[in-house]
Amino acid sequence: MHEILIISGKGGTGKTSLTAAFAHLSHDAVLCDLDVDAPDLHLILQPSDTEKIPFVSGFEARIRSADCTQCGLCHEMCRFEAIRDTDDGFSVDPVRCEGCGVCVHFCPEKAIDFTPRECGWWRIARTRFGTMVHAQLHPGEENSGKLVALLRTQAKALAKENGAKLILSDGPPGIGCPVISAVSGADLAVMITEPTPSGFHDLERVVELADHFRVPTAVIINKTDLNKSVSGSIQAYCADKGLPVLAEIPFDTDFVHAMVQGQAITEFTDSAASRAVREVWERVLQQAAAFDAA
């Protein structure tokens, strides 16, 4: 079983559009959207959920007003200013509460409950391209790295159950905690970049991250004809690093038109960009097999 992760150092490089196209071209793959803070793969794949499970992580404090004596100790000790002092008594601001438990520990009346916190949800769904696992945190919630790890575990279990030989994941942008959780242990990280100064800079950062976790990597330069000079610089950088550049995909507005129609570029049109995506998918599979053999 291969786990192929599609990532980018920044948003807007076309990562999700290419992942959707790869999903269309794959066979018997389990699909996974690991961008749990702002998922959008579902906009193209249009999943039909079969299961929806709450994601519970951490705790939150709640003051029982009937048992509170208004001593104010919790208000004094909370370093996150999460305890509100109002005319109706003390209460906990759930947005500010970090779930540290200091107020619970020191409350002399034991009038504060410490309950598990529901941070979001994760789902198992059906799509026209196969089974999909995806999730979303509630606004302002944390622990995205933990949720990413949960999704990867569920995707592997589904792949084993269904006899699938491939897990294809749309990773989160950047280099933060959710990306670290997505990258570590993957069989191949395919990095999508664009020929802009920020695209090049963030590619360098995510390459360093993958190197740290010793994850095999390959690069795709999307919208390559927007700036030939920067594309050349990216090519030179990849050559110096020993990174295979699997393709240079031309800019094509059909990506946008396909997205508006809720389709992958490869099922929407047979343009030059669509043909380039079909060709690069074969190279991605070959690259994954090559790393596996090594």
Protein backbone atom coordinates (compact mmCIF):
# COMPACT_ATOMS: atom_id res chain seq x y z
CA MET A 1 0.00 0.00 0.00
CA HIS A 2 1.34 3.44 -0.97
CA GLU A 3 0.42 6.67 0.81
CA ILE A 4 0.91 9.58 -1.57
CA LEU A 5 0.57 13.07 -0.09
CA ILE A 6 0.02 16.18 -2.21
CA ILE A 7 1.30 19.28 -0.42
CA SER A 8 2.48 22.83 -1.03
CA GLY A 9 4.37 25.33 1.02
CA LYS A 10 1.58 27.88 0.50
CA GLY A 11 -2.04 28.07 -0.53
CA GLY A 12 -3.17 28.85 -4.07
CA THR A 13 -0.71 26.70 -5.98
CA GLY A 14 -3.40 24.39 -7.38
CA LYS A 15 -2.80 21.55 -4.93
CA THR A 16 -6.45 20.61 -4.46
CA SER A 17 -7.25 20.86 -8.18
CA LEU A 18 -4.42 18.45 -8.96
CA THR A 19 -5.41 16.12 -6.13
CA ALA A 20 -8.96 15.96 -7.51
CA ALA A 21 -7.58 15.14 -10.97
CA PHE A 22 -5.33 12.44 -9.53
CA ALA A 23 -8.36 11.04 -7.68
CA HIS A 24 -10.19 10.87 -11.01
CA LEU A 25 -7.27 9.04 -12.63
CA SER A 26 -6.61 6.65 -9.75
CA HIS A 27 -8.21 3.25 -9.33
CA ASP A 28 -9.30 1.72 -6.02
CA ALA A 29 -7.72 4.53 -4.00
CA VAL A 30 -8.86 5.77 -0.61
CA LEU A 31 -9.05 9.56 -0.73
CA CYS A 32 -8.27 11.79 2.21
CA ASP A 33 -8.50 15.55 2.75
CA LEU A 34 -6.01 16.42 5.48
CA ASP A 35 -6.62 20.18 5.40
CA VAL A 36 -8.88 20.07 8.45
CA ASP A 37 -8.78 23.84 9.09
CA ALA A 38 -10.14 24.85 5.67
CA PRO A 39 -11.00 21.73 3.62
CA ASP A 40 -12.14 22.19 0.03
CA LEU A 41 -11.57 18.89 -1.78
CA HIS A 42 -15.24 18.09 -1.12
CA LEU A 43 -16.24 21.00 -3.38
CA ILE A 44 -15.01 19.00 -6.38
CA LEU A 45 -15.56 15.44 -5.17
CA GLN A 46 -19.06 16.19 -3.76
CA PRO A 47 -19.04 13.40 -1.18
CA SER A 48 -22.11 11.67 0.20
CA ASP A 49 -21.44 11.03 3.87
CA THR A 50 -21.97 7.57 5.30
CA GLU A 51 -20.67 8.30 8.80
CA LYS A 52 -20.17 11.53 10.78
CA ILE A 53 -18.19 11.23 14.00
CA PRO A 54 -17.46 14.03 16.50
CA PHE A 55 -13.81 14.88 17.08
CA VAL A 56 -13.21 15.25 20.80
CA SER A 57 -9.89 16.59 22.03
CA GLY A 58 -8.91 18.45 25.18
CA PHE A 59 -11.22 19.79 27.87
CA GLU A 60 -13.19 22.90 28.70
CA ALA A 61 -14.21 24.30 32.07
CA ARG A 62 -17.79 25.17 33.04
CA ILE A 63 -18.80 26.85 36.28
CA ARG A 64 -21.92 25.53 38.01
CA SER A 65 -23.50 28.77 39.17
CA ALA A 66 -25.64 27.02 41.79
CA ASP A 67 -22.51 25.77 43.60
CA CYS A 68 -20.28 28.81 43.05
CA THR A 69 -19.72 31.01 46.13
CA GLN A 70 -18.29 33.90 44.05
CA CYS A 71 -14.92 33.80 45.81
CA GLY A 72 -13.20 34.93 42.60
CA LEU A 73 -10.18 32.64 42.98
CA CYS A 74 -10.63 31.18 39.51
CA HIS A 75 -10.80 34.69 38.04
CA GLU A 76 -7.53 35.63 39.76
CA MET A 77 -5.65 32.49 38.75
CA CYS A 78 -6.70 32.18 35.10
CA ARG A 79 -3.77 33.43 33.00
CA PHE A 80 -5.84 33.36 29.81
CA GLU A 81 -8.49 35.76 31.13
CA ALA A 82 -11.13 33.15 30.35
CA ILE A 83 -13.14 33.72 33.55
CA ARG A 84 -15.71 36.47 33.11
CA ASP A 85 -16.89 38.48 36.11
CA THR A 86 -20.40 39.75 35.37
CA ASP A 87 -23.40 40.88 37.35
CA ASP A 88 -24.75 37.34 37.10
CA GLY A 89 -21.60 35.84 38.60
CA PHE A 90 -18.54 34.12 37.21
CA SER A 91 -18.62 32.17 33.96
CA VAL A 92 -16.11 30.69 31.50
CA ASP A 93 -15.50 32.20 28.07
CA PRO A 94 -15.20 29.06 25.88
CA VAL A 95 -13.22 30.95 23.23
CA ARG A 96 -10.50 31.99 25.67
CA CYS A 97 -10.46 28.79 27.73
CA GLU A 98 -7.34 26.72 27.00
CA GLY A 99 -8.46 23.74 29.03
CA CYS A 100 -5.48 23.93 31.39
CA GLY A 101 -7.56 22.92 34.44
CA VAL A 102 -6.09 25.42 36.92
CA CYS A 103 -9.50 26.77 37.89
CA VAL A 104 -10.84 23.24 38.39
CA HIS A 105 -7.92 22.26 40.60
CA PHE A 106 -8.02 25.29 42.90
CA CYS A 107 -11.77 25.88 43.19
CA PRO A 108 -12.50 25.46 46.94
CA GLU A 109 -16.11 24.45 46.30
CA LYS A 110 -15.32 22.07 43.40
CA ALA A 111 -17.96 23.98 41.46
CA ILE A 112 -16.27 23.75 38.05
CA ASP A 113 -16.90 20.87 35.66
CA PHE A 114 -14.10 19.80 33.32
CA THR A 115 -15.70 18.16 30.30
CA PRO A 116 -14.23 16.79 27.06
CA ARG A 117 -14.28 19.36 24.26
CA GLU A 118 -15.85 18.68 20.89
CA CYS A 119 -13.52 20.43 18.45
CA GLY A 120 -15.08 19.39 15.15
CA TRP A 121 -16.07 16.30 13.18
CA TRP A 122 -14.68 13.75 10.78
CA ARG A 123 -16.53 11.78 8.14
CA ILE A 124 -16.35 8.72 5.96
CA ALA A 125 -17.98 9.40 2.60
CA ARG A 126 -18.59 8.04 -0.87
CA THR A 127 -17.53 9.96 -3.96
CA ARG A 128 -17.66 9.18 -7.66
CA PHE A 129 -13.93 8.46 -7.41
CA GLY A 130 -14.05 6.20 -4.35
CA THR A 131 -14.16 6.28 -0.57
CA MET A 132 -13.14 9.53 1.07
CA VAL A 133 -12.21 10.51 4.63
CA HIS A 134 -12.44 14.20 5.53
CA ALA A 135 -12.96 16.48 8.50
CA GLN A 136 -13.30 20.05 9.71
CA LEU A 137 -12.51 21.75 12.98
CA HIS A 138 -14.99 24.17 14.52
CA PRO A 139 -13.95 27.84 14.12
CA GLY A 140 -11.10 28.77 16.42
CA GLU A 141 -10.40 25.22 17.58
CA GLU A 142 -6.93 23.71 17.79
CA ASN A 143 -5.44 20.18 17.78
CA SER A 144 -5.47 20.07 13.97
CA GLY A 145 -2.37 17.86 14.01
CA LYS A 146 -4.15 15.29 16.14
CA LEU A 147 -7.15 15.29 13.80
CA VAL A 148 -4.86 14.85 10.77
CA ALA A 149 -3.27 11.83 12.47
CA LEU A 150 -6.74 10.40 13.14
CA LEU A 151 -7.74 10.79 9.48
CA ARG A 152 -4.58 9.05 8.28
CA THR A 153 -5.23 6.15 10.65
CA GLN A 154 -8.81 5.82 9.44
CA ALA A 155 -7.74 6.01 5.78
CA LYS A 156 -5.22 3.21 6.31
CA ALA A 157 -7.86 1.08 8.04
CA LEU A 158 -10.31 1.63 5.17
CA ALA A 159 -7.65 0.85 2.58
CA LYS A 160 -6.83 -2.41 4.34
CA GLU A 161 -10.50 -3.27 4.70
CA ASN A 162 -11.26 -2.55 1.03
CA GLY A 163 -8.05 -4.05 -0.33
CA ALA A 164 -7.00 -0.67 -1.77
CA LYS A 165 -3.36 -0.31 -2.80
CA LEU A 166 -3.26 3.49 -2.66
CA ILE A 167 -4.09 6.30 -0.24
CA LEU A 168 -4.19 9.69 -1.94
CA SER A 169 -4.20 12.65 0.43
CA ASP A 170 -4.72 16.37 -0.13
CA GLY A 171 -2.43 17.87 2.48
CA PRO A 172 -2.67 21.16 4.37
CA PRO A 173 -0.64 24.18 3.20
CA GLY A 174 2.36 25.61 5.02
CA ILE A 175 4.83 23.88 7.34
CA GLY A 176 2.98 23.93 10.67
CA CYS A 177 1.68 21.22 12.98
CA PRO A 178 -0.95 19.76 10.61
CA VAL A 179 1.64 19.51 7.81
CA ILE A 180 4.12 17.77 10.11
CA SER A 181 1.38 15.32 11.08
CA ALA A 182 0.53 14.74 7.41
CA VAL A 183 4.10 14.34 6.13
CA SER A 184 5.72 12.09 8.73
CA GLY A 185 5.63 8.49 7.59
CA ALA A 186 4.22 9.15 4.10
CA ASP A 187 5.60 7.07 1.23
CA LEU A 188 5.86 10.03 -1.15
CA ALA A 189 5.26 13.76 -0.79
CA VAL A 190 4.46 15.46 -4.10
CA MET A 191 5.08 19.19 -3.72
CA ILE A 192 3.08 21.58 -5.88
CA THR A 193 4.70 24.94 -6.41
CA GLU A 194 4.20 27.96 -8.66
CA PRO A 195 6.76 30.25 -10.33
CA THR A 196 6.43 33.20 -7.95
CA PRO A 197 8.88 34.44 -5.31
CA SER A 198 6.56 33.31 -2.49
CA GLY A 199 5.93 29.96 -4.19
CA PHE A 200 9.67 29.33 -4.54
CA HIS A 201 10.40 30.45 -0.98
CA ASP A 202 7.71 28.24 0.54
CA LEU A 203 8.80 25.29 -1.58
CA GLU A 204 12.23 25.57 0.04
CA ARG A 205 10.65 25.52 3.49
CA VAL A 206 8.50 22.44 2.88
CA VAL A 207 11.42 20.61 1.25
CA GLU A 208 13.42 21.18 4.44
CA LEU A 209 10.51 19.83 6.47
CA ALA A 210 10.24 16.66 4.36
CA ASP A 211 14.02 16.20 4.51
CA HIS A 212 13.86 16.38 8.29
CA PHE A 213 11.39 13.50 8.39
CA ARG A 214 13.23 11.63 5.60
CA VAL A 215 10.17 11.50 3.38
CA PRO A 216 10.81 10.94 -0.36
CA THR A 217 9.74 13.99 -2.38
CA ALA A 218 9.03 15.07 -5.92
CA VAL A 219 8.03 18.44 -7.37
CA ILE A 220 5.42 19.67 -9.84
CA ILE A 221 5.65 23.24 -11.12
CA ASN A 222 2.12 24.43 -11.80
CA LYS A 223 1.28 27.48 -13.96
CA THR A 224 4.88 27.29 -15.12
CA ASP A 225 4.53 29.76 -17.99
CA LEU A 226 3.53 32.63 -15.69
CA ASN A 227 7.19 33.37 -15.01
CA LYS A 228 9.77 31.39 -16.98
CA SER A 229 12.63 32.95 -15.05
CA VAL A 230 11.38 31.77 -11.65
CA SER A 231 10.46 28.39 -13.14
CA GLY A 232 14.08 28.07 -14.26
CA SER A 233 15.27 28.97 -10.76
CA ILE A 234 13.02 26.29 -9.26
CA GLN A 235 14.35 23.75 -11.75
CA ALA A 236 17.93 24.64 -10.81
CA TYR A 237 17.13 24.41 -7.09
CA CYS A 238 15.53 20.98 -7.53
CA ALA A 239 18.50 19.75 -9.56
CA ASP A 240 20.87 20.93 -6.84
CA LYS A 241 18.78 19.16 -4.19
CA GLY A 242 18.38 16.00 -6.25
CA LEU A 243 14.61 16.41 -6.37
CA PRO A 244 12.80 15.04 -9.43
CA VAL A 245 10.60 17.58 -11.22
CA LEU A 246 7.77 15.42 -12.52
CA ALA A 247 6.13 18.05 -14.72
CA GLU A 248 5.71 21.70 -15.63
CA ILE A 249 2.00 22.27 -16.09
CA PRO A 250 0.96 25.34 -18.12
CA PHE A 251 -1.48 27.93 -16.84
CA ASP A 252 -5.00 27.10 -18.01
CA THR A 253 -8.25 28.84 -17.08
CA ASP A 254 -10.05 25.52 -17.60
CA PHE A 255 -8.94 24.64 -14.07
CA VAL A 256 -11.25 27.39 -12.84
CA HIS A 257 -14.09 26.45 -15.19
CA ALA A 258 -13.84 22.81 -14.10
CA MET A 259 -13.88 23.81 -10.45
CA VAL A 260 -17.00 25.94 -10.96
CA GLN A 261 -18.70 22.88 -12.47
CA GLY A 262 -17.58 20.71 -9.55
CA GLN A 263 -15.31 18.62 -11.76
CA ALA A 264 -11.67 17.66 -11.99
CA ILE A 265 -9.75 19.15 -14.91
CA THR A 266 -9.22 15.67 -16.39
CA GLU A 267 -12.95 14.93 -16.58
CA PHE A 268 -13.88 18.43 -17.73
CA THR A 269 -11.69 18.88 -20.80
CA ASP A 270 -8.90 17.42 -22.94
CA SER A 271 -6.80 20.58 -22.99
CA ALA A 272 -3.00 20.72 -22.92
CA ALA A 273 -3.09 21.19 -19.14
CA SER A 274 -5.42 18.21 -18.74
CA ARG A 275 -3.13 16.02 -20.84
CA ALA A 276 -0.13 17.19 -18.81
CA VAL A 277 -1.93 16.18 -15.60
CA ARG A 278 -2.67 12.72 -17.01
CA GLU A 279 0.98 12.27 -17.91
CA VAL A 280 2.27 13.47 -14.56
CA TRP A 281 -0.02 11.10 -12.65
CA GLU A 282 1.73 8.16 -14.34
CA ARG A 283 5.06 9.65 -13.28
CA VAL A 284 3.80 10.04 -9.70
CA LEU A 285 2.93 6.34 -9.57
CA GLN A 286 6.28 5.43 -11.09
CA GLN A 287 8.07 7.63 -8.56
CA ALA A 288 6.20 6.02 -5.65
CA ALA A 289 7.10 2.56 -6.97
CA ALA A 290 10.75 3.57 -7.43
CA PHE A 291 11.05 4.84 -3.86
CA ASP A 292 9.33 1.68 -2.65
CA ALA A 293 11.82 -0.51 -4.53
CA ALA A 294 14.73 1.47 -3.11
